[in-house]
């Protein structure tokens, strides 16, 4: 039970803050995944003699390979900055920390598994 009406507002604010963090994390992860999927489709069309050298060269493939990890890294940095900014104002700072670390782990996973395949030879 809540002892005063102020306790209810603080608890509701915490849940709203965590929902905002979850939405942000999901959006960044989906954006990184969508970029990775588009890059994989693009690179899959680069085989054979019909491939355009300008669209399938080493620099373009490298940028495609690093795009998804870069999106996830920017999202993680933003989450850490939000955690630092919210530390004094709300109790949801820990959720931003979790979001940042989750996005960093996802970035490492995508970089380790996707970059060698997409960058290719």
PDB file of N, CA and C in Angstrom:
ATOM      1  N   UNK A   1       0.824  -1.179   0.000  1.00  0.00           N
ATOM      2  CA  UNK A   1       0.000   0.000   0.000  1.00  0.00           C
ATOM      3  C   UNK A   1       0.870   1.245   0.000  1.00  0.00           C
ATOM      4  N   UNK A   2       0.340   2.272  -0.581  1.00  0.00           N
ATOM      5  CA  UNK A   2       1.047   3.551  -0.625  1.00  0.00           C
ATOM      6  C   UNK A   2       0.657   4.380   0.593  1.00  0.00           C
ATOM      7  N   UNK A   3       1.628   5.043   1.186  1.00  0.00           N
ATOM      8  CA  UNK A   3       1.395   5.836   2.374  1.00  0.00           C
ATOM      9  C   UNK A   3       0.841   7.211   2.054  1.00  0.00           C
ATOM     10  N   UNK A   4       1.168   7.721   0.869  1.00  0.00           N
ATOM     11  CA  UNK A   4       0.669   9.033   0.482  1.00  0.00           C
ATOM     12  C   UNK A   4       0.489   9.071  -1.034  1.00  0.00           C
ATOM     13  N   UNK A   5      -0.276  10.032  -1.539  1.00  0.00           N
ATOM     14  CA  UNK A   5      -0.477  10.140  -2.992  1.00  0.00           C
ATOM     15  C   UNK A   5       0.823  10.402  -3.747  1.00  0.00           C
ATOM     16  N   UNK A   6       1.804  10.994  -3.111  1.00  0.00           N
ATOM     17  CA  UNK A   6       3.083  11.275  -3.772  1.00  0.00           C
ATOM     18  C   UNK A   6       3.820   9.983  -4.133  1.00  0.00           C
ATOM     19  N   UNK A   7       3.645   8.941  -3.324  1.00  0.00           N
ATOM     20  CA  UNK A   7       4.280   7.659  -3.611  1.00  0.00           C
ATOM     21  C   UNK A   7       3.733   7.061  -4.904  1.00  0.00           C
ATOM     22  N   UNK A   8       2.450   7.218  -5.132  1.00  0.00           N
ATOM     23  CA  UNK A   8       1.823   6.684  -6.345  1.00  0.00           C
ATOM     24  C   UNK A   8       2.385   7.391  -7.568  1.00  0.00           C
ATOM     25  N   UNK A   9       2.470   8.706  -7.541  1.00  0.00           N
ATOM     26  CA  UNK A   9       2.988   9.456  -8.687  1.00  0.00           C
ATOM     27  C   UNK A   9       4.430   9.085  -8.989  1.00  0.00           C
ATOM     28  N   UNK A  10       5.240   8.885  -7.970  1.00  0.00           N
ATOM     29  CA  UNK A  10       6.634   8.540  -8.189  1.00  0.00           C
ATOM     30  C   UNK A  10       6.736   7.149  -8.824  1.00  0.00           C
ATOM     31  N   UNK A  11       5.929   6.203  -8.375  1.00  0.00           N
ATOM     32  CA  UNK A  11       5.953   4.854  -8.920  1.00  0.00           C
ATOM     33  C   UNK A  11       5.480   4.847 -10.369  1.00  0.00           C
ATOM     34  N   UNK A  12       4.438   5.592 -10.683  1.00  0.00           N
ATOM     35  CA  UNK A  12       3.936   5.679 -12.053  1.00  0.00           C
ATOM     36  C   UNK A  12       4.984   6.338 -12.944  1.00  0.00           C
ATOM     37  N   UNK A  13       5.651   7.351 -12.451  1.00  0.00           N
ATOM     38  CA  UNK A  13       6.702   8.012 -13.218  1.00  0.00           C
ATOM     39  C   UNK A  13       7.850   7.073 -13.541  1.00  0.00           C
ATOM     40  N   UNK A  14       8.178   6.195 -12.617  1.00  0.00           N
ATOM     41  CA  UNK A  14       9.243   5.226 -12.845  1.00  0.00           C
ATOM     42  C   UNK A  14       8.863   4.270 -13.964  1.00  0.00           C
ATOM     43  N   UNK A  15       7.622   3.780 -13.932  1.00  0.00           N
ATOM     44  CA  UNK A  15       7.176   2.857 -14.978  1.00  0.00           C
ATOM     45  C   UNK A  15       7.129   3.534 -16.339  1.00  0.00           C
ATOM     46  N   UNK A  16       6.709   4.782 -16.381  1.00  0.00           N
ATOM     47  CA  UNK A  16       6.689   5.528 -17.637  1.00  0.00           C
ATOM     48  C   UNK A  16       8.115   5.716 -18.144  1.00  0.00           C
ATOM     49  N   UNK A  17       9.037   6.028 -17.253  1.00  0.00           N
ATOM     50  CA  UNK A  17      10.431   6.190 -17.642  1.00  0.00           C
ATOM     51  C   UNK A  17      11.023   4.908 -18.205  1.00  0.00           C
ATOM     52  N   UNK A  18      10.719   3.787 -17.596  1.00  0.00           N
ATOM     53  CA  UNK A  18      11.225   2.504 -18.077  1.00  0.00           C
ATOM     54  C   UNK A  18      10.605   2.175 -19.429  1.00  0.00           C
ATOM     55  N   UNK A  19       9.334   2.510 -19.627  1.00  0.00           N
ATOM     56  CA  UNK A  19       8.698   2.294 -20.928  1.00  0.00           C
ATOM     57  C   UNK A  19       9.357   3.118 -22.025  1.00  0.00           C
ATOM     58  N   UNK A  20       9.720   4.343 -21.708  1.00  0.00           N
ATOM     59  CA  UNK A  20      10.398   5.201 -22.679  1.00  0.00           C
ATOM     60  C   UNK A  20      11.747   4.588 -23.049  1.00  0.00           C
ATOM     61  N   UNK A  21      12.461   4.091 -22.066  1.00  0.00           N
ATOM     62  CA  UNK A  21      13.760   3.465 -22.315  1.00  0.00           C
ATOM     63  C   UNK A  21      13.589   2.212 -23.179  1.00  0.00           C
ATOM     64  N   UNK A  22      12.591   1.406 -22.859  1.00  0.00           N
ATOM     65  CA  UNK A  22      12.351   0.180 -23.631  1.00  0.00           C
ATOM     66  C   UNK A  22      11.998   0.511 -25.081  1.00  0.00           C
ATOM     67  N   UNK A  23      11.183   1.536 -25.270  1.00  0.00           N
ATOM     68  CA  UNK A  23      10.834   1.950 -26.633  1.00  0.00           C
ATOM     69  C   UNK A  23      12.060   2.442 -27.401  1.00  0.00           C
ATOM     70  N   UNK A  24      12.896   3.230 -26.747  1.00  0.00           N
ATOM     71  CA  UNK A  24      14.111   3.747 -27.371  1.00  0.00           C
ATOM     72  C   UNK A  24      15.042   2.598 -27.767  1.00  0.00           C
ATOM     73  N   UNK A  25      15.262   1.674 -26.841  1.00  0.00           N
ATOM     74  CA  UNK A  25      16.160   0.554 -27.088  1.00  0.00           C
ATOM     75  C   UNK A  25      15.646  -0.314 -28.234  1.00  0.00           C
ATOM     76  N   UNK A  26      14.359  -0.584 -28.234  1.00  0.00           N
ATOM     77  CA  UNK A  26      13.763  -1.376 -29.303  1.00  0.00           C
ATOM     78  C   UNK A  26      13.891  -0.670 -30.645  1.00  0.00           C
ATOM     79  N   UNK A  27      13.648   0.624 -30.670  1.00  0.00           N
ATOM     80  CA  UNK A  27      13.737   1.380 -31.926  1.00  0.00           C
ATOM     81  C   UNK A  27      15.160   1.375 -32.478  1.00  0.00           C
ATOM     82  N   UNK A  28      16.140   1.578 -31.612  1.00  0.00           N
ATOM     83  CA  UNK A  28      17.535   1.578 -32.072  1.00  0.00           C
ATOM     84  C   UNK A  28      17.932   0.185 -32.560  1.00  0.00           C
ATOM     85  N   UNK A  29      17.539  -0.848 -31.833  1.00  0.00           N
ATOM     86  CA  UNK A  29      17.873  -2.214 -32.243  1.00  0.00           C
ATOM     87  C   UNK A  29      17.211  -2.564 -33.575  1.00  0.00           C
ATOM     88  N   UNK A  30      15.965  -2.162 -33.762  1.00  0.00           N
ATOM     89  CA  UNK A  30      15.284  -2.424 -35.030  1.00  0.00           C
ATOM     90  C   UNK A  30      15.893  -1.631 -36.174  1.00  0.00           C
ATOM     91  N   UNK A  31      16.294  -0.403 -35.913  1.00  0.00           N
ATOM     92  CA  UNK A  31      16.946   0.402 -36.942  1.00  0.00           C
ATOM     93  C   UNK A  31      18.278  -0.224 -37.354  1.00  0.00           C
ATOM     94  N   UNK A  32      19.062  -0.661 -36.393  1.00  0.00           N
ATOM     95  CA  UNK A  32      20.315  -1.350 -36.703  1.00  0.00           C
ATOM     96  C   UNK A  32      20.074  -2.651 -37.451  1.00  0.00           C
ATOM     97  N   UNK A  33      19.062  -3.400 -37.050  1.00  0.00           N
ATOM     98  CA  UNK A  33      18.724  -4.651 -37.740  1.00  0.00           C
ATOM     99  C   UNK A  33      18.236  -4.417 -39.159  1.00  0.00           C
ATOM    100  N   UNK A  34      17.445  -3.371 -39.352  1.00  0.00           N
ATOM    101  CA  UNK A  34      16.972  -3.051 -40.697  1.00  0.00           C
ATOM    102  C   UNK A  34      18.134  -2.651 -41.596  1.00  0.00           C
ATOM    103  N   UNK A  35      19.062  -1.849 -41.073  1.00  0.00           N
ATOM    104  CA  UNK A  35      20.236  -1.467 -41.863  1.00  0.00           C
ATOM    105  C   UNK A  35      21.054  -2.699 -42.211  1.00  0.00           C
ATOM    106  N   UNK A  36      21.215  -3.606 -41.256  1.00  0.00           N
ATOM    107  CA  UNK A  36      21.972  -4.827 -41.491  1.00  0.00           C
ATOM    108  C   UNK A  36      21.296  -5.679 -42.564  1.00  0.00           C
ATOM    109  N   UNK A  37      19.976  -5.774 -42.527  1.00  0.00           N
ATOM    110  CA  UNK A  37      19.246  -6.559 -43.529  1.00  0.00           C
ATOM    111  C   UNK A  37      19.384  -5.941 -44.918  1.00  0.00           C
ATOM    112  N   UNK A  38      19.237  -4.632 -45.017  1.00  0.00           N
ATOM    113  CA  UNK A  38      19.387  -3.958 -46.311  1.00  0.00           C
ATOM    114  C   UNK A  38      20.812  -4.129 -46.833  1.00  0.00           C
ATOM    115  N   UNK A  39      21.799  -4.009 -45.958  1.00  0.00           N
ATOM    116  CA  UNK A  39      23.188  -4.188 -46.372  1.00  0.00           C
ATOM    117  C   UNK A  39      23.441  -5.615 -46.857  1.00  0.00           C
ATOM    118  N   UNK A  40      22.857  -6.599 -46.181  1.00  0.00           N
ATOM    119  CA  UNK A  40      23.029  -7.991 -46.607  1.00  0.00           C
ATOM    120  C   UNK A  40      22.410  -8.234 -47.971  1.00  0.00           C
ATOM    121  N   UNK A  41      21.233  -7.662 -48.209  1.00  0.00           N
ATOM    122  CA  UNK A  41      20.594  -7.814 -49.522  1.00  0.00           C
ATOM    123  C   UNK A  41      21.425  -7.118 -50.588  1.00  0.00           C
ATOM    124  N   UNK A  42      21.912  -5.928 -50.274  1.00  0.00           N
ATOM    125  CA  UNK A  42      22.729  -5.175 -51.231  1.00  0.00           C
ATOM    126  C   UNK A  42      23.990  -5.960 -51.598  1.00  0.00           C
ATOM    127  N   UNK A  43      24.686  -6.488 -50.595  1.00  0.00           N
ATOM    128  CA  UNK A  43      25.927  -7.215 -50.834  1.00  0.00           C
ATOM    129  C   UNK A  43      25.657  -8.521 -51.580  1.00  0.00           C
ATOM    130  N   UNK A  44      24.490  -9.116 -51.352  1.00  0.00           N
ATOM    131  CA  UNK A  44      24.181 -10.366 -52.055  1.00  0.00           C
ATOM    132  C   UNK A  44      24.005 -10.152 -53.553  1.00  0.00           C
ATOM    133  N   UNK A  45      23.733  -8.937 -53.981  1.00  0.00           N
ATOM    134  CA  UNK A  45      23.588  -8.662 -55.413  1.00  0.00           C
ATOM    135  C   UNK A  45      24.923  -8.320 -56.061  1.00  0.00           C
ATOM    136  N   UNK A  46      26.005  -8.300 -55.294  1.00  0.00           N
ATOM    137  CA  UNK A  46      27.303  -7.891 -55.815  1.00  0.00           C
ATOM    138  C   UNK A  46      28.091  -9.017 -56.467  1.00  0.00           C
ATOM    139  N   UNK A  47      27.569 -10.210 -56.510  1.00  0.00           N
ATOM    140  CA  UNK A  47      28.302 -11.320 -57.102  1.00  0.00           C
ATOM    141  C   UNK A  47      28.143 -11.348 -58.618  1.00  0.00           C
ATOM    142  N   UNK A  48      29.074 -11.997 -59.271  1.00  0.00           N
ATOM    143  CA  UNK A  48      28.982 -12.183 -60.710  1.00  0.00           C
ATOM    144  C   UNK A  48      29.560 -11.033 -61.502  1.00  0.00           C
ATOM    145  N   UNK A  49      29.412 -11.132 -62.815  1.00  0.00           N
ATOM    146  CA  UNK A  49      30.002 -10.131 -63.700  1.00  0.00           C
ATOM    147  C   UNK A  49      29.083  -8.941 -63.938  1.00  0.00           C
ATOM    148  N   UNK A  50      27.858  -9.021 -63.489  1.00  0.00           N
ATOM    149  CA  UNK A  50      26.891  -7.951 -63.716  1.00  0.00           C
ATOM    150  C   UNK A  50      27.008  -6.850 -62.658  1.00  0.00           C
ATOM    151  N   UNK A  51      27.728  -7.122 -61.601  1.00  0.00           N
ATOM    152  CA  UNK A  51      27.823  -6.179 -60.478  1.00  0.00           C
ATOM    153  C   UNK A  51      28.475  -4.870 -60.924  1.00  0.00           C
ATOM    154  N   UNK A  52      27.905  -3.790 -60.458  1.00  0.00           N
ATOM    155  CA  UNK A  52      28.451  -2.468 -60.733  1.00  0.00           C
ATOM    156  C   UNK A  52      29.629  -2.214 -59.809  1.00  0.00           C
ATOM    157  N   UNK A  53      30.751  -1.868 -60.370  1.00  0.00           N
ATOM    158  CA  UNK A  53      31.965  -1.673 -59.566  1.00  0.00           C
ATOM    159  C   UNK A  53      31.820  -0.508 -58.594  1.00  0.00           C
ATOM    160  N   UNK A  54      31.011   0.492 -58.938  1.00  0.00           N
ATOM    161  CA  UNK A  54      30.851   1.641 -58.045  1.00  0.00           C
ATOM    162  C   UNK A  54      29.996   1.305 -56.829  1.00  0.00           C
ATOM    163  N   UNK A  55      29.058   0.393 -56.993  1.00  0.00           N
ATOM    164  CA  UNK A  55      28.158   0.066 -55.891  1.00  0.00           C
ATOM    165  C   UNK A  55      28.653  -1.100 -55.050  1.00  0.00           C
ATOM    166  N   UNK A  56      29.623  -1.849 -55.538  1.00  0.00           N
ATOM    167  CA  UNK A  56      30.064  -3.048 -54.831  1.00  0.00           C
ATOM    168  C   UNK A  56      31.565  -3.056 -54.568  1.00  0.00           C
ATOM    169  N   UNK A  57      32.194  -1.916 -54.578  1.00  0.00           N
ATOM    170  CA  UNK A  57      33.625  -1.847 -54.306  1.00  0.00           C
ATOM    171  C   UNK A  57      33.929  -2.056 -52.831  1.00  0.00           C
ATOM    172  N   UNK A  58      35.188  -2.163 -52.529  1.00  0.00           N
ATOM    173  CA  UNK A  58      35.621  -2.392 -51.144  1.00  0.00           C
ATOM    174  C   UNK A  58      35.192  -1.268 -50.198  1.00  0.00           C
ATOM    175  N   UNK A  59      35.315   0.021 -50.587  1.00  0.00           N
ATOM    176  CA  UNK A  59      34.872   1.066 -49.654  1.00  0.00           C
ATOM    177  C   UNK A  59      33.370   1.029 -49.374  1.00  0.00           C
ATOM    178  N   UNK A  60      32.587   0.758 -50.397  1.00  0.00           N
ATOM    179  CA  UNK A  60      31.131   0.704 -50.201  1.00  0.00           C
ATOM    180  C   UNK A  60      30.744  -0.477 -49.318  1.00  0.00           C
ATOM    181  N   UNK A  61      31.364  -1.613 -49.548  1.00  0.00           N
ATOM    182  CA  UNK A  61      31.054  -2.790 -48.719  1.00  0.00           C
ATOM    183  C   UNK A  61      31.488  -2.564 -47.275  1.00  0.00           C
ATOM    184  N   UNK A  62      32.602  -1.879 -47.074  1.00  0.00           N
ATOM    185  CA  UNK A  62      33.069  -1.587 -45.721  1.00  0.00           C
ATOM    186  C   UNK A  62      32.095  -0.655 -45.009  1.00  0.00           C
ATOM    187  N   UNK A  63      31.614   0.371 -45.715  1.00  0.00           N
ATOM    188  CA  UNK A  63      30.626   1.279 -45.104  1.00  0.00           C
ATOM    189  C   UNK A  63      29.332   0.550 -44.781  1.00  0.00           C
ATOM    190  N   UNK A  64      28.902  -0.340 -45.667  1.00  0.00           N
ATOM    191  CA  UNK A  64      27.699  -1.128 -45.384  1.00  0.00           C
ATOM    192  C   UNK A  64      27.908  -2.031 -44.172  1.00  0.00           C
ATOM    193  N   UNK A  65      29.108  -2.597 -44.049  1.00  0.00           N
ATOM    194  CA  UNK A  65      29.389  -3.498 -42.934  1.00  0.00           C
ATOM    195  C   UNK A  65      29.449  -2.757 -41.602  1.00  0.00           C
ATOM    196  N   UNK A  66      29.926  -1.526 -41.630  1.00  0.00           N
ATOM    197  CA  UNK A  66      30.073  -0.768 -40.376  1.00  0.00           C
ATOM    198  C   UNK A  66      28.845   0.069 -40.027  1.00  0.00           C
ATOM    199  N   UNK A  67      27.863   0.130 -40.911  1.00  0.00           N
ATOM    200  CA  UNK A  67      26.684   0.961 -40.672  1.00  0.00           C
ATOM    201  C   UNK A  67      25.856   0.530 -39.474  1.00  0.00           C
ATOM    202  N   UNK A  68      25.507  -0.750 -39.399  1.00  0.00           N
ATOM    203  CA  UNK A  68      24.678  -1.236 -38.289  1.00  0.00           C
ATOM    204  C   UNK A  68      25.398  -1.109 -36.944  1.00  0.00           C
ATOM    205  N   UNK A  69      26.675  -1.506 -36.838  1.00  0.00           N
ATOM    206  CA  UNK A  69      27.363  -1.281 -35.560  1.00  0.00           C
ATOM    207  C   UNK A  69      27.450   0.199 -35.187  1.00  0.00           C
ATOM    208  N   UNK A  70      27.588   1.068 -36.182  1.00  0.00           N
ATOM    209  CA  UNK A  70      27.645   2.510 -35.889  1.00  0.00           C
ATOM    210  C   UNK A  70      26.312   3.010 -35.350  1.00  0.00           C
ATOM    211  N   UNK A  71      25.222   2.549 -35.920  1.00  0.00           N
ATOM    212  CA  UNK A  71      23.885   2.938 -35.431  1.00  0.00           C
ATOM    213  C   UNK A  71      23.716   2.489 -33.983  1.00  0.00           C
ATOM    214  N   UNK A  72      24.109   1.262 -33.694  1.00  0.00           N
ATOM    215  CA  UNK A  72      23.974   0.738 -32.327  1.00  0.00           C
ATOM    216  C   UNK A  72      24.891   1.476 -31.354  1.00  0.00           C
ATOM    217  N   UNK A  73      26.081   1.840 -31.805  1.00  0.00           N
ATOM    218  CA  UNK A  73      26.998   2.584 -30.945  1.00  0.00           C
ATOM    219  C   UNK A  73      26.451   3.969 -30.624  1.00  0.00           C
ATOM    220  N   UNK A  74      25.913   4.648 -31.614  1.00  0.00           N
ATOM    221  CA  UNK A  74      25.331   5.981 -31.378  1.00  0.00           C
ATOM    222  C   UNK A  74      24.153   5.868 -30.405  1.00  0.00           C
ATOM    223  N   UNK A  75      23.332   4.837 -30.573  1.00  0.00           N
ATOM    224  CA  UNK A  75      22.228   4.621 -29.642  1.00  0.00           C
ATOM    225  C   UNK A  75      22.706   4.355 -28.229  1.00  0.00           C
ATOM    226  N   UNK A  76      23.782   3.589 -28.090  1.00  0.00           N
ATOM    227  CA  UNK A  76      24.339   3.301 -26.761  1.00  0.00           C
ATOM    228  C   UNK A  76      24.904   4.555 -26.113  1.00  0.00           C
ATOM    229  N   UNK A  77      25.609   5.350 -26.894  1.00  0.00           N
ATOM    230  CA  UNK A  77      26.167   6.597 -26.349  1.00  0.00           C
ATOM    231  C   UNK A  77      25.044   7.511 -25.889  1.00  0.00           C
ATOM    232  N   UNK A  78      23.994   7.593 -26.690  1.00  0.00           N
ATOM    233  CA  UNK A  78      22.853   8.433 -26.300  1.00  0.00           C
ATOM    234  C   UNK A  78      22.210   7.912 -25.010  1.00  0.00           C
ATOM    235  N   UNK A  79      22.095   6.598 -24.890  1.00  0.00           N
ATOM    236  CA  UNK A  79      21.515   6.022 -23.673  1.00  0.00           C
ATOM    237  C   UNK A  79      22.380   6.333 -22.454  1.00  0.00           C
ATOM    238  N   UNK A  80      23.703   6.223 -22.605  1.00  0.00           N
ATOM    239  CA  UNK A  80      24.584   6.544 -21.483  1.00  0.00           C
ATOM    240  C   UNK A  80      24.504   8.025 -21.122  1.00  0.00           C
ATOM    241  N   UNK A  81      24.400   8.876 -22.125  1.00  0.00           N
ATOM    242  CA  UNK A  81      24.253  10.308 -21.843  1.00  0.00           C
ATOM    243  C   UNK A  81      22.937  10.602 -21.132  1.00  0.00           C
ATOM    244  N   UNK A  82      21.882   9.909 -21.534  1.00  0.00           N
ATOM    245  CA  UNK A  82      20.594  10.081 -20.854  1.00  0.00           C
ATOM    246  C   UNK A  82      20.675   9.576 -19.417  1.00  0.00           C
ATOM    247  N   UNK A  83      21.390   8.473 -19.202  1.00  0.00           N
ATOM    248  CA  UNK A  83      21.544   7.946 -17.838  1.00  0.00           C
ATOM    249  C   UNK A  83      22.285   8.951 -16.966  1.00  0.00           C
ATOM    250  N   UNK A  84      23.312   9.558 -17.504  1.00  0.00           N
ATOM    251  CA  UNK A  84      24.070  10.546 -16.747  1.00  0.00           C
ATOM    252  C   UNK A  84      23.214  11.778 -16.463  1.00  0.00           C
ATOM    253  N   UNK A  85      22.425  12.209 -17.424  1.00  0.00           N
ATOM    254  CA  UNK A  85      21.572  13.384 -17.252  1.00  0.00           C
ATOM    255  C   UNK A  85      20.397  13.142 -16.325  1.00  0.00           C
ATOM    256  N   UNK A  86      19.907  11.904 -16.292  1.00  0.00           N
ATOM    257  CA  UNK A  86      18.728  11.596 -15.472  1.00  0.00           C
ATOM    258  C   UNK A  86      19.091  11.143 -14.076  1.00  0.00           C
ATOM    259  N   UNK A  87      20.344  10.962 -13.796  1.00  0.00           N
ATOM    260  CA  UNK A  87      20.750  10.400 -12.514  1.00  0.00           C
ATOM    261  C   UNK A  87      20.245  11.213 -11.325  1.00  0.00           C
ATOM    262  N   UNK A  88      20.154  12.505 -11.476  1.00  0.00           N
ATOM    263  CA  UNK A  88      19.723  13.332 -10.360  1.00  0.00           C
ATOM    264  C   UNK A  88      18.234  13.635 -10.400  1.00  0.00           C
ATOM    265  N   UNK A  89      17.593  13.446 -11.537  1.00  0.00           N
ATOM    266  CA  UNK A  89      16.195  13.858 -11.662  1.00  0.00           C
ATOM    267  C   UNK A  89      15.194  12.733 -11.484  1.00  0.00           C
ATOM    268  N   UNK A  90      15.564  11.499 -11.766  1.00  0.00           N
ATOM    269  CA  UNK A  90      14.583  10.424 -11.742  1.00  0.00           C
ATOM    270  C   UNK A  90      15.237   9.113 -11.311  1.00  0.00           C
ATOM    271  N   UNK A  91      14.411   8.152 -11.011  1.00  0.00           N
ATOM    272  CA  UNK A  91      14.909   6.843 -10.609  1.00  0.00           C
ATOM    273  C   UNK A  91      15.121   5.914 -11.802  1.00  0.00           C
ATOM    274  N   UNK A  92      14.843   6.367 -13.018  1.00  0.00           N
ATOM    275  CA  UNK A  92      14.969   5.514 -14.202  1.00  0.00           C
ATOM    276  C   UNK A  92      16.359   5.568 -14.823  1.00  0.00           C
ATOM    277  N   UNK A  93      17.322   6.179 -14.154  1.00  0.00           N
ATOM    278  CA  UNK A  93      18.665   6.260 -14.727  1.00  0.00           C
ATOM    279  C   UNK A  93      19.263   4.887 -14.955  1.00  0.00           C
ATOM    280  N   UNK A  94      18.945   3.932 -14.093  1.00  0.00           N
ATOM    281  CA  UNK A  94      19.485   2.589 -14.229  1.00  0.00           C
ATOM    282  C   UNK A  94      18.980   1.919 -15.497  1.00  0.00           C
ATOM    283  N   UNK A  95      17.761   2.245 -15.913  1.00  0.00           N
ATOM    284  CA  UNK A  95      17.221   1.659 -17.150  1.00  0.00           C
ATOM    285  C   UNK A  95      18.002   2.151 -18.360  1.00  0.00           C
ATOM    286  N   UNK A  96      18.415   3.424 -18.321  1.00  0.00           N
ATOM    287  CA  UNK A  96      19.241   3.945 -19.417  1.00  0.00           C
ATOM    288  C   UNK A  96      20.598   3.262 -19.424  1.00  0.00           C
ATOM    289  N   UNK A  97      21.143   2.962 -18.258  1.00  0.00           N
ATOM    290  CA  UNK A  97      22.407   2.233 -18.177  1.00  0.00           C
ATOM    291  C   UNK A  97      22.263   0.841 -18.793  1.00  0.00           C
ATOM    292  N   UNK A  98      21.207   0.158 -18.438  1.00  0.00           N
ATOM    293  CA  UNK A  98      20.958  -1.180 -18.992  1.00  0.00           C
ATOM    294  C   UNK A  98      20.807  -1.096 -20.504  1.00  0.00           C
ATOM    295  N   UNK A  99      20.089  -0.099 -20.975  1.00  0.00           N
ATOM    296  CA  UNK A  99      19.908   0.091 -22.411  1.00  0.00           C
ATOM    297  C   UNK A  99      21.247   0.293 -23.110  1.00  0.00           C
ATOM    298  N   UNK A 100      22.095   1.136 -22.540  1.00  0.00           N
ATOM    299  CA  UNK A 100      23.400   1.387 -23.133  1.00  0.00           C
ATOM    300  C   UNK A 100      24.244   0.130 -23.211  1.00  0.00           C
ATOM    301  N   UNK A 101      24.283  -0.628 -22.125  1.00  0.00           N
ATOM    302  CA  UNK A 101      25.087  -1.851 -22.133  1.00  0.00           C
ATOM    303  C   UNK A 101      24.506  -2.897 -23.075  1.00  0.00           C
ATOM    304  N   UNK A 102      23.184  -2.976 -23.158  1.00  0.00           N
ATOM    305  CA  UNK A 102      22.557  -3.914 -24.093  1.00  0.00           C
ATOM    306  C   UNK A 102      22.907  -3.550 -25.530  1.00  0.00           C
ATOM    307  N   UNK A 103      22.835  -2.259 -25.860  1.00  0.00           N
ATOM    308  CA  UNK A 103      23.156  -1.835 -27.217  1.00  0.00           C
ATOM    309  C   UNK A 103      24.636  -2.032 -27.533  1.00  0.00           C
ATOM    310  N   UNK A 104      25.511  -1.850 -26.550  1.00  0.00           N
ATOM    311  CA  UNK A 104      26.939  -2.118 -26.753  1.00  0.00           C
ATOM    312  C   UNK A 104      27.148  -3.610 -27.038  1.00  0.00           C
ATOM    313  N   UNK A 105      26.507  -4.468 -26.265  1.00  0.00           N
ATOM    314  CA  UNK A 105      26.642  -5.912 -26.484  1.00  0.00           C
ATOM    315  C   UNK A 105      26.102  -6.305 -27.858  1.00  0.00           C
ATOM    316  N   UNK A 106      24.979  -5.727 -28.245  1.00  0.00           N
ATOM    317  CA  UNK A 106      24.412  -5.996 -29.563  1.00  0.00           C
ATOM    318  C   UNK A 106      25.338  -5.494 -30.665  1.00  0.00           C
ATOM    319  N   UNK A 107      25.968  -4.340 -30.452  1.00  0.00           N
ATOM    320  CA  UNK A 107      26.907  -3.798 -31.427  1.00  0.00           C
ATOM    321  C   UNK A 107      28.092  -4.744 -31.615  1.00  0.00           C
ATOM    322  N   UNK A 108      28.630  -5.258 -30.527  1.00  0.00           N
ATOM    323  CA  UNK A 108      29.761  -6.183 -30.615  1.00  0.00           C
ATOM    324  C   UNK A 108      29.340  -7.457 -31.344  1.00  0.00           C
ATOM    325  N   UNK A 109      28.172  -7.976 -31.039  1.00  0.00           N
ATOM    326  CA  UNK A 109      27.673  -9.175 -31.704  1.00  0.00           C
ATOM    327  C   UNK A 109      27.515  -8.947 -33.205  1.00  0.00           C
ATOM    328  N   UNK A 110      26.915  -7.834 -33.584  1.00  0.00           N
ATOM    329  CA  UNK A 110      26.720  -7.519 -35.001  1.00  0.00           C
ATOM    330  C   UNK A 110      28.067  -7.307 -35.686  1.00  0.00           C
ATOM    331  N   UNK A 111      28.980  -6.635 -35.018  1.00  0.00           N
ATOM    332  CA  UNK A 111      30.290  -6.380 -35.618  1.00  0.00           C
ATOM    333  C   UNK A 111      31.073  -7.673 -35.817  1.00  0.00           C
ATOM    334  N   UNK A 112      31.030  -8.554 -34.841  1.00  0.00           N
ATOM    335  CA  UNK A 112      31.802  -9.798 -34.933  1.00  0.00           C
ATOM    336  C   UNK A 112      31.207 -10.740 -35.976  1.00  0.00           C
ATOM    337  N   UNK A 113      29.903 -10.781 -36.079  1.00  0.00           N
ATOM    338  CA  UNK A 113      29.275 -11.731 -37.009  1.00  0.00           C
ATOM    339  C   UNK A 113      29.001 -11.137 -38.388  1.00  0.00           C
ATOM    340  N   UNK A 114      28.684  -9.843 -38.448  1.00  0.00           N
ATOM    341  CA  UNK A 114      28.267  -9.269 -39.727  1.00  0.00           C
ATOM    342  C   UNK A 114      29.355  -8.645 -40.549  1.00  0.00           C
ATOM    343  N   UNK A 115      30.321  -8.000 -39.905  1.00  0.00           N
ATOM    344  CA  UNK A 115      31.345  -7.256 -40.652  1.00  0.00           C
ATOM    345  C   UNK A 115      32.171  -8.173 -41.553  1.00  0.00           C
ATOM    346  N   UNK A 116      32.661  -9.318 -41.075  1.00  0.00           N
ATOM    347  CA  UNK A 116      33.447 -10.165 -41.982  1.00  0.00           C
ATOM    348  C   UNK A 116      32.643 -10.649 -43.199  1.00  0.00           C
ATOM    349  N   UNK A 117      31.364 -10.934 -43.000  1.00  0.00           N
ATOM    350  CA  UNK A 117      30.540 -11.411 -44.101  1.00  0.00           C
ATOM    351  C   UNK A 117      30.255 -10.300 -45.101  1.00  0.00           C
ATOM    352  N   UNK A 118      29.896  -9.116 -44.593  1.00  0.00           N
ATOM    353  CA  UNK A 118      29.531  -8.026 -45.483  1.00  0.00           C
ATOM    354  C   UNK A 118      30.734  -7.390 -46.159  1.00  0.00           C
ATOM    355  N   UNK A 119      31.829  -7.225 -45.441  1.00  0.00           N
ATOM    356  CA  UNK A 119      32.997  -6.589 -46.033  1.00  0.00           C
ATOM    357  C   UNK A 119      33.648  -7.510 -47.054  1.00  0.00           C
ATOM    358  N   UNK A 120      33.637  -8.787 -46.783  1.00  0.00           N
ATOM    359  CA  UNK A 120      34.111  -9.782 -47.743  1.00  0.00           C
ATOM    360  C   UNK A 120      35.492  -9.500 -48.284  1.00  0.00           C
ATOM    361  N   UNK A 121      35.692 -10.006 -49.495  1.00  0.00           N
ATOM    362  CA  UNK A 121      36.993  -9.813 -50.128  1.00  0.00           C
ATOM    363  C   UNK A 121      36.926  -8.799 -51.250  1.00  0.00           C
TER     364      UNK A 121
END
